[in-house]
Protein backbone atom coordinates (compact mmCIF):
# COMPACT_ATOMS: atom_id res chain seq x y z
CA MET A 1 -9.50 5.05 20.28
CA ILE A 2 -10.51 5.34 23.96
CA CYS A 3 -14.15 5.27 24.88
CA TYR A 4 -15.08 6.97 28.15
CA ALA A 5 -18.14 5.84 30.07
CA ALA A 6 -19.72 7.53 33.07
CA TYR A 7 -19.69 5.67 36.35
CA PRO A 8 -23.18 4.89 37.82
CA LEU A 9 -23.97 7.79 40.15
CA SER A 10 -26.69 5.83 41.93
CA LEU A 11 -23.97 4.56 44.26
CA ALA A 12 -23.54 8.08 45.64
CA PHE A 13 -27.04 9.55 45.45
CA PRO A 14 -30.49 8.32 46.44
CA THR A 15 -32.37 6.75 43.55
CA ASP A 16 -34.88 9.60 43.41
CA THR A 17 -32.15 12.22 42.94
CA VAL A 18 -29.82 10.45 40.54
CA ALA A 19 -27.82 12.84 38.38
CA THR A 20 -27.55 11.45 34.86
CA THR A 21 -24.74 12.36 32.49
CA PRO A 22 -24.41 11.34 28.87
CA GLU A 23 -21.55 9.12 27.80
CA LEU A 24 -18.64 11.09 26.54
CA ALA A 25 -17.94 10.65 22.83
CA PRO A 26 -14.52 9.38 21.83
CA ARG A 27 -12.09 12.23 21.48
CA ALA A 28 -10.95 13.20 18.01
CA PRO A 29 -7.23 12.57 17.49
CA PRO A 30 -4.82 15.54 17.44
CA ILE A 31 -4.89 17.53 14.22
CA TRP A 32 -1.43 16.30 13.10
CA ARG A 33 -2.54 12.70 13.51
CA ARG A 34 -5.63 13.30 11.36
CA TYR A 35 -3.51 14.64 8.51
CA LEU A 36 -0.98 11.85 8.98
CA GLU A 37 -3.75 9.26 8.68
CA LEU A 38 -4.78 10.77 5.36
CA THR A 39 -1.38 9.82 3.96
CA LYS A 40 -1.78 6.08 4.79
CA PRO A 41 1.63 6.08 6.49
CA LYS A 42 2.10 2.29 6.53
CA VAL A 43 1.45 2.06 2.80
CA VAL A 44 3.71 5.04 2.09
CA ALA A 45 6.45 3.48 4.24
CA LEU A 46 6.39 0.31 2.13
CA ILE A 47 6.34 2.34 -1.10
CA THR A 48 9.26 4.46 0.07
CA PHE A 49 11.22 1.39 1.14
CA THR A 50 10.94 -0.19 -2.32
CA ALA A 51 11.91 3.15 -3.89
CA ILE A 52 14.98 3.38 -1.63
CA VAL A 53 15.97 -0.15 -2.64
CA GLY A 54 15.70 0.90 -6.30
CA THR A 55 17.89 3.92 -5.58
CA LEU A 56 20.56 1.85 -3.83
CA LEU A 57 20.57 -0.94 -6.43
CA ALA A 58 21.08 1.59 -9.22
CA SER A 59 24.63 2.34 -8.07
CA PRO A 60 27.55 -0.04 -7.45
CA GLY A 61 28.35 1.80 -4.23
CA LEU A 62 26.42 4.50 -2.44
CA PRO A 63 24.20 6.57 -4.76
CA PRO A 64 24.45 10.37 -5.02
CA LEU A 65 23.10 11.98 -1.87
CA ASP A 66 20.64 14.21 -3.72
CA ALA A 67 19.04 11.21 -5.43
CA LEU A 68 18.90 9.23 -2.21
CA VAL A 69 17.48 12.00 -0.02
CA TRP A 70 15.52 14.35 -2.27
CA GLY A 71 14.48 11.63 -4.70
CA ASN A 72 12.95 9.38 -2.08
CA LEU A 73 11.49 12.27 -0.11
CA GLY A 74 9.77 13.47 -3.28
CA ILE A 75 8.48 9.96 -4.04
CA ALA A 76 7.19 9.60 -0.47
CA LEU A 77 5.40 12.96 -0.59
CA ALA A 78 3.86 12.08 -3.96
CA ALA A 79 2.63 8.77 -2.54
CA ALA A 80 1.16 10.63 0.45
CA CYS A 81 -0.54 13.04 -1.94
CA ALA A 82 -2.08 10.14 -3.89
CA ALA A 83 -3.26 8.51 -0.67
CA THR A 84 -4.91 11.75 0.48
CA ILE A 85 -6.72 12.16 -2.85
CA ASN A 86 -7.83 8.54 -2.52
CA HIS A 87 -9.37 9.38 0.88
CA VAL A 88 -11.36 12.22 -0.69
CA LEU A 89 -12.59 10.23 -3.69
CA ASP A 90 -13.46 7.18 -1.58
CA ARG A 91 -15.21 9.04 1.24
CA ARG A 92 -18.68 7.69 0.37
CA ILE A 93 -17.35 4.14 0.13
CA ASP A 94 -15.41 4.50 3.38
CA GLU A 95 -18.59 5.51 5.21
CA GLN A 96 -20.15 2.13 4.33
CA MET A 97 -17.24 -0.11 5.33
CA ALA A 98 -16.47 -1.00 8.95
CA ARG A 99 -12.75 -1.13 8.15
CA THR A 100 -12.66 2.47 6.91
CA ARG A 101 -15.52 4.44 8.45
CA ALA A 102 -13.28 5.76 11.25
CA ARG A 103 -10.98 7.47 8.76
CA PRO A 104 -10.70 11.28 9.14
CA LEU A 105 -13.18 12.24 6.38
CA PRO A 106 -16.09 9.84 7.05
CA ALA A 107 -15.61 10.40 10.80
CA GLY A 108 -15.90 14.17 10.27
CA HIS A 109 -12.47 14.95 11.74
CA LEU A 110 -11.42 16.79 8.57
CA THR A 111 -13.29 18.34 5.65
CA GLU A 112 -12.79 17.49 1.99
CA ARG A 113 -11.48 21.03 1.41
CA GLN A 114 -8.83 20.58 4.09
CA ALA A 115 -7.82 17.23 2.62
CA LEU A 116 -7.59 18.59 -0.93
CA LEU A 117 -5.47 21.57 0.18
CA PHE A 118 -3.20 19.16 2.03
CA ALA A 119 -2.94 16.91 -1.03
CA ALA A 120 -2.16 19.88 -3.29
CA THR A 121 0.60 21.03 -0.95
CA LEU A 122 2.14 17.56 -0.83
CA GLY A 123 1.94 17.19 -4.60
CA VAL A 124 3.49 20.59 -5.40
CA VAL A 125 6.35 20.08 -2.96
CA ALA A 126 6.98 16.55 -4.27
CA MET A 127 7.10 17.63 -7.91
CA ALA A 128 9.31 20.63 -7.12
CA LEU A 129 11.81 18.47 -5.24
CA LEU A 130 11.99 15.89 -8.01
CA ALA A 131 12.07 18.31 -10.94
CA PHE A 132 14.58 20.81 -9.52
CA LEU A 133 16.74 18.72 -7.16
CA VAL A 134 16.72 15.29 -8.86
CA ASN A 135 15.78 15.07 -12.56
CA LEU A 136 12.85 15.70 -14.83
CA LEU A 137 12.36 12.04 -15.80
CA THR A 138 11.78 11.01 -12.16
CA ALA A 139 9.35 13.89 -11.71
CA VAL A 140 7.36 12.93 -14.82
CA LEU A 141 7.26 9.21 -13.96
CA THR A 142 6.21 9.99 -10.39
CA PHE A 143 3.45 12.33 -11.59
CA VAL A 144 2.15 9.68 -14.00
CA SER A 145 2.12 7.12 -11.17
CA LEU A 146 0.29 9.56 -8.90
CA ILE A 147 -2.40 10.18 -11.50
CA GLY A 148 -2.59 6.47 -12.26
CA TYR A 149 -3.39 5.58 -8.66
CA ALA A 150 -5.25 8.63 -7.39
CA VAL A 151 -7.42 9.19 -10.47
CA ILE A 152 -7.43 6.35 -13.00
CA TYR A 153 -7.54 3.54 -10.44
CA THR A 154 -9.64 5.20 -7.74
CA VAL A 155 -12.15 6.99 -9.97
CA TRP A 156 -12.51 4.48 -12.79
CA LEU A 157 -10.87 1.07 -12.46
CA LYS A 158 -11.86 0.41 -8.86
CA ARG A 159 -15.53 0.77 -9.73
CA ALA A 160 -15.44 -0.56 -13.30
CA THR A 161 -13.92 -4.03 -13.31
CA PRO A 162 -12.95 -6.90 -10.97
CA GLN A 163 -9.53 -6.73 -12.64
CA ASN A 164 -9.04 -3.31 -11.03
CA ILE A 165 -6.15 -4.52 -8.89
CA VAL A 166 -4.35 -6.17 -11.81
CA ILE A 167 -4.58 -3.17 -14.13
CA GLY A 168 -4.12 -0.56 -11.42
CA GLY A 169 -1.17 -2.46 -9.97
CA ALA A 170 1.15 -0.73 -12.43
CA ALA A 171 0.99 2.49 -10.41
CA GLY A 172 1.81 0.69 -7.18
CA ALA A 173 4.69 -1.19 -8.81
CA ALA A 174 6.43 1.98 -10.02
CA PRO A 175 8.42 3.13 -6.91
CA PRO A 176 11.58 1.02 -7.53
CA VAL A 177 11.67 2.35 -11.10
CA LEU A 178 11.32 5.89 -9.75
CA GLY A 179 14.11 5.37 -7.24
CA TRP A 180 16.35 3.90 -9.94
CA ALA A 181 15.59 6.76 -12.33
CA ALA A 182 16.53 9.26 -9.62
CA VAL A 183 20.11 7.93 -9.86
CA THR A 184 20.50 7.07 -13.56
CA ASN A 185 18.00 9.43 -15.22
CA SER A 186 16.88 6.43 -17.28
CA ILE A 187 14.50 3.45 -17.20
CA ASP A 188 16.78 0.48 -16.60
CA PRO A 189 15.83 -3.15 -17.44
CA ASN A 190 16.82 -4.23 -13.92
CA ALA A 191 14.45 -1.63 -12.49
CA LEU A 192 11.69 -3.12 -14.62
CA LEU A 193 12.36 -6.50 -12.99
CA LEU A 194 11.59 -4.90 -9.63
CA PHE A 195 8.47 -3.43 -11.20
CA LEU A 196 7.39 -6.92 -12.37
CA ILE A 197 7.88 -8.37 -8.89
CA ILE A 198 5.53 -5.86 -7.28
CA PHE A 199 3.12 -6.07 -10.22
CA ALA A 200 2.81 -9.86 -9.79
CA TRP A 201 2.66 -9.52 -5.99
CA THR A 202 -0.22 -7.04 -5.97
CA PRO A 203 -3.17 -9.34 -6.96
CA PRO A 204 -2.62 -12.06 -4.32
CA HIS A 205 -1.91 -9.36 -1.74
CA PHE A 206 -5.13 -7.40 -2.34
CA TRP A 207 -7.39 -10.31 -3.25
CA ALA A 208 -6.58 -11.97 0.07
CA LEU A 209 -7.85 -8.80 1.77
CA ALA A 210 -10.86 -8.71 -0.57
CA ILE A 211 -11.79 -12.26 0.45
CA ALA A 212 -11.67 -11.25 4.12
CA ARG A 213 -13.73 -8.10 3.45
CA ARG A 214 -15.98 -9.47 0.74
CA ASP A 215 -19.27 -8.47 2.40
CA GLU A 216 -18.08 -4.91 2.96
CA TYR A 217 -16.99 -4.50 -0.66
CA ALA A 218 -20.34 -5.93 -1.80
CA LEU A 219 -22.22 -3.47 0.41
CA ALA A 220 -20.17 -0.57 -0.98
CA GLY A 221 -20.79 -1.71 -4.57
CA ILE A 222 -17.12 -2.29 -5.39
CA PRO A 223 -16.71 -5.13 -7.95
CA MET A 224 -13.80 -6.88 -6.29
CA LEU A 225 -13.13 -10.37 -7.62
CA PRO A 226 -14.67 -12.26 -4.64
CA VAL A 227 -17.85 -10.21 -5.04
CA THR A 228 -18.27 -10.72 -8.79
CA HIS A 229 -16.84 -14.24 -9.25
CA GLY A 230 -17.06 -15.87 -5.84
CA LEU A 231 -14.57 -17.12 -3.27
CA ASP A 232 -13.44 -20.32 -5.03
CA PHE A 233 -12.59 -18.45 -8.23
CA THR A 234 -10.68 -15.80 -6.27
CA ARG A 235 -8.73 -18.37 -4.25
CA LEU A 236 -7.69 -20.07 -7.50
CA HIS A 237 -6.46 -16.79 -8.95
CA VAL A 238 -4.59 -15.94 -5.76
CA LEU A 239 -2.77 -19.25 -6.22
CA LEU A 240 -2.10 -18.70 -9.93
CA TYR A 241 -0.70 -15.21 -9.40
CA THR A 242 1.44 -16.45 -6.53
CA VAL A 243 2.93 -19.10 -8.84
CA LEU A 244 3.59 -16.32 -11.37
CA LEU A 245 5.19 -14.29 -8.59
CA VAL A 246 7.50 -17.20 -7.73
CA VAL A 247 8.69 -17.34 -11.34
CA VAL A 248 9.19 -13.58 -11.57
CA THR A 249 11.16 -13.42 -8.30
CA LEU A 250 13.69 -15.88 -9.74
CA MET A 251 14.48 -13.56 -12.64
CA PRO A 252 16.91 -11.27 -10.76
CA PHE A 253 19.08 -14.33 -10.09
CA LEU A 254 18.68 -15.78 -13.58
CA THR A 255 19.66 -12.46 -15.17
CA ARG A 256 22.63 -12.14 -12.76
CA MET A 257 21.23 -8.98 -11.26
CA SER A 258 21.58 -10.67 -7.86
CA GLY A 259 23.34 -13.69 -6.37
CA LEU A 260 22.96 -16.57 -3.95
CA ILE A 261 21.91 -14.54 -0.91
CA TYR A 262 18.90 -13.23 -2.77
CA LEU A 263 18.13 -16.63 -4.32
CA CYS A 264 18.09 -18.40 -0.93
CA ALA A 265 15.87 -15.71 0.59
CA ALA A 266 13.51 -15.79 -2.39
CA LEU A 267 13.18 -19.59 -2.24
CA VAL A 268 12.36 -19.57 1.47
CA LEU A 269 9.91 -16.67 1.21
CA ASN A 270 8.21 -18.19 -1.83
CA ALA A 271 7.86 -21.55 -0.05
CA VAL A 272 6.12 -19.91 2.91
CA PHE A 273 3.90 -17.79 0.67
CA LEU A 274 2.89 -20.83 -1.38
CA TYR A 275 2.12 -22.76 1.80
CA TYR A 276 -0.28 -20.06 2.98
CA VAL A 277 -1.87 -19.67 -0.44
CA LEU A 278 -2.36 -23.42 -0.88
CA ALA A 279 -3.95 -23.58 2.56
CA LEU A 280 -6.24 -20.72 1.49
CA LYS A 281 -7.17 -22.65 -1.66
CA ILE A 282 -8.01 -26.00 -0.06
CA THR A 283 -9.49 -24.94 3.27
CA ALA A 284 -12.13 -22.46 4.36
CA ARG A 285 -10.50 -21.33 7.60
CA GLN A 286 -11.71 -17.82 8.26
CA GLU A 287 -8.41 -16.46 9.54
CA LEU A 288 -6.41 -17.47 6.45
CA PRO A 289 -7.24 -14.55 4.12
CA MET A 290 -5.96 -11.98 6.60
CA ARG A 291 -2.97 -14.17 7.40
CA VAL A 292 -2.08 -14.29 3.69
CA PHE A 293 -2.61 -10.54 3.41
CA LYS A 294 -0.37 -9.73 6.38
CA PHE A 295 2.34 -12.18 5.36
CA SER A 296 2.41 -10.74 1.84
CA VAL A 297 3.56 -7.40 3.28
CA THR A 298 6.32 -9.12 5.27
CA TYR A 299 7.21 -11.13 2.17
CA LEU A 300 7.77 -8.07 0.01
CA MET A 301 9.81 -6.26 2.65
CA TRP A 302 12.16 -9.22 3.21
CA LEU A 303 12.46 -9.93 -0.50
CA PHE A 304 13.61 -6.38 -1.24
CA ALA A 305 15.84 -6.40 1.84
CA ALA A 306 17.47 -9.56 0.45
CA LEU A 307 18.07 -7.80 -2.88
CA LEU A 308 19.80 -5.01 -1.00
CA LEU A 309 21.88 -7.33 1.18
CA ASP A 310 22.96 -9.35 -1.85
CA HIS A 311 23.87 -6.17 -3.73
CA TYR A 312 26.31 -4.98 -1.07
CA LEU A 313 27.70 -8.34 0.11
CA MET A 314 27.89 -10.17 -3.19
CA GLY A 315 28.31 -7.24 -5.57
């Protein structure tokens, strides 16, 4: 966001006739960008990517075009709807946190009514696409995931327990199952393995961020684990869940869902993740929590990319 400042006019006018002008406020972003920001596009991109992987893995070759296109578009729109509702419900919290106070609602760039109308439009279109162009099971599962994140997690879990991320992680882990169901119209055991990977990945991913933003969460009254149980306890649990994640990520190979390409990628990615998490556990370097957080996103993307590569090269 660009900040404009007035040049000192005393260079051009005598000091007794200086013309003073107020500093110009930062310009509000274009209207389309404000609505786009409501959807948390980076988060939705990662969600959609894991859903696409689920869609592609569900078929030996290329999946049906309607499932691939309309299924993942519907899942993406539903995720955008949930993110927008999250913005509305978290507006008061966002106003208190430096990381989020520039978002469209706390910054006053959009009203809650505009955001809710936008969310309703996204949700209706998403459900219509999934129910009429894909299958009813995918539509129902997507709706349940939307409610789980946008309402149950945001309204209740987030404010009720430091285990909010663990319990609420089920909604965020659903996209591969949704993508798979778009092809098979069923809940496949292999899809549930993908669900377990994201479910185990979620706590170390978010708790690393919570460590970095501990003071902000405390100020906003959100009982994140570092706020309620301290940094040492949280670092230990980041490590424990990462070890669990390592075990879970080996299951696709052990169940013969995937082959050596995936196994090699998983071993390398897990080694790097464990290195960062162990460093986080035994040192107090301030940059490590955000480094773990950022790497965890890269980790998940490459892990799912490896599943996809293995599927088409080794399958």
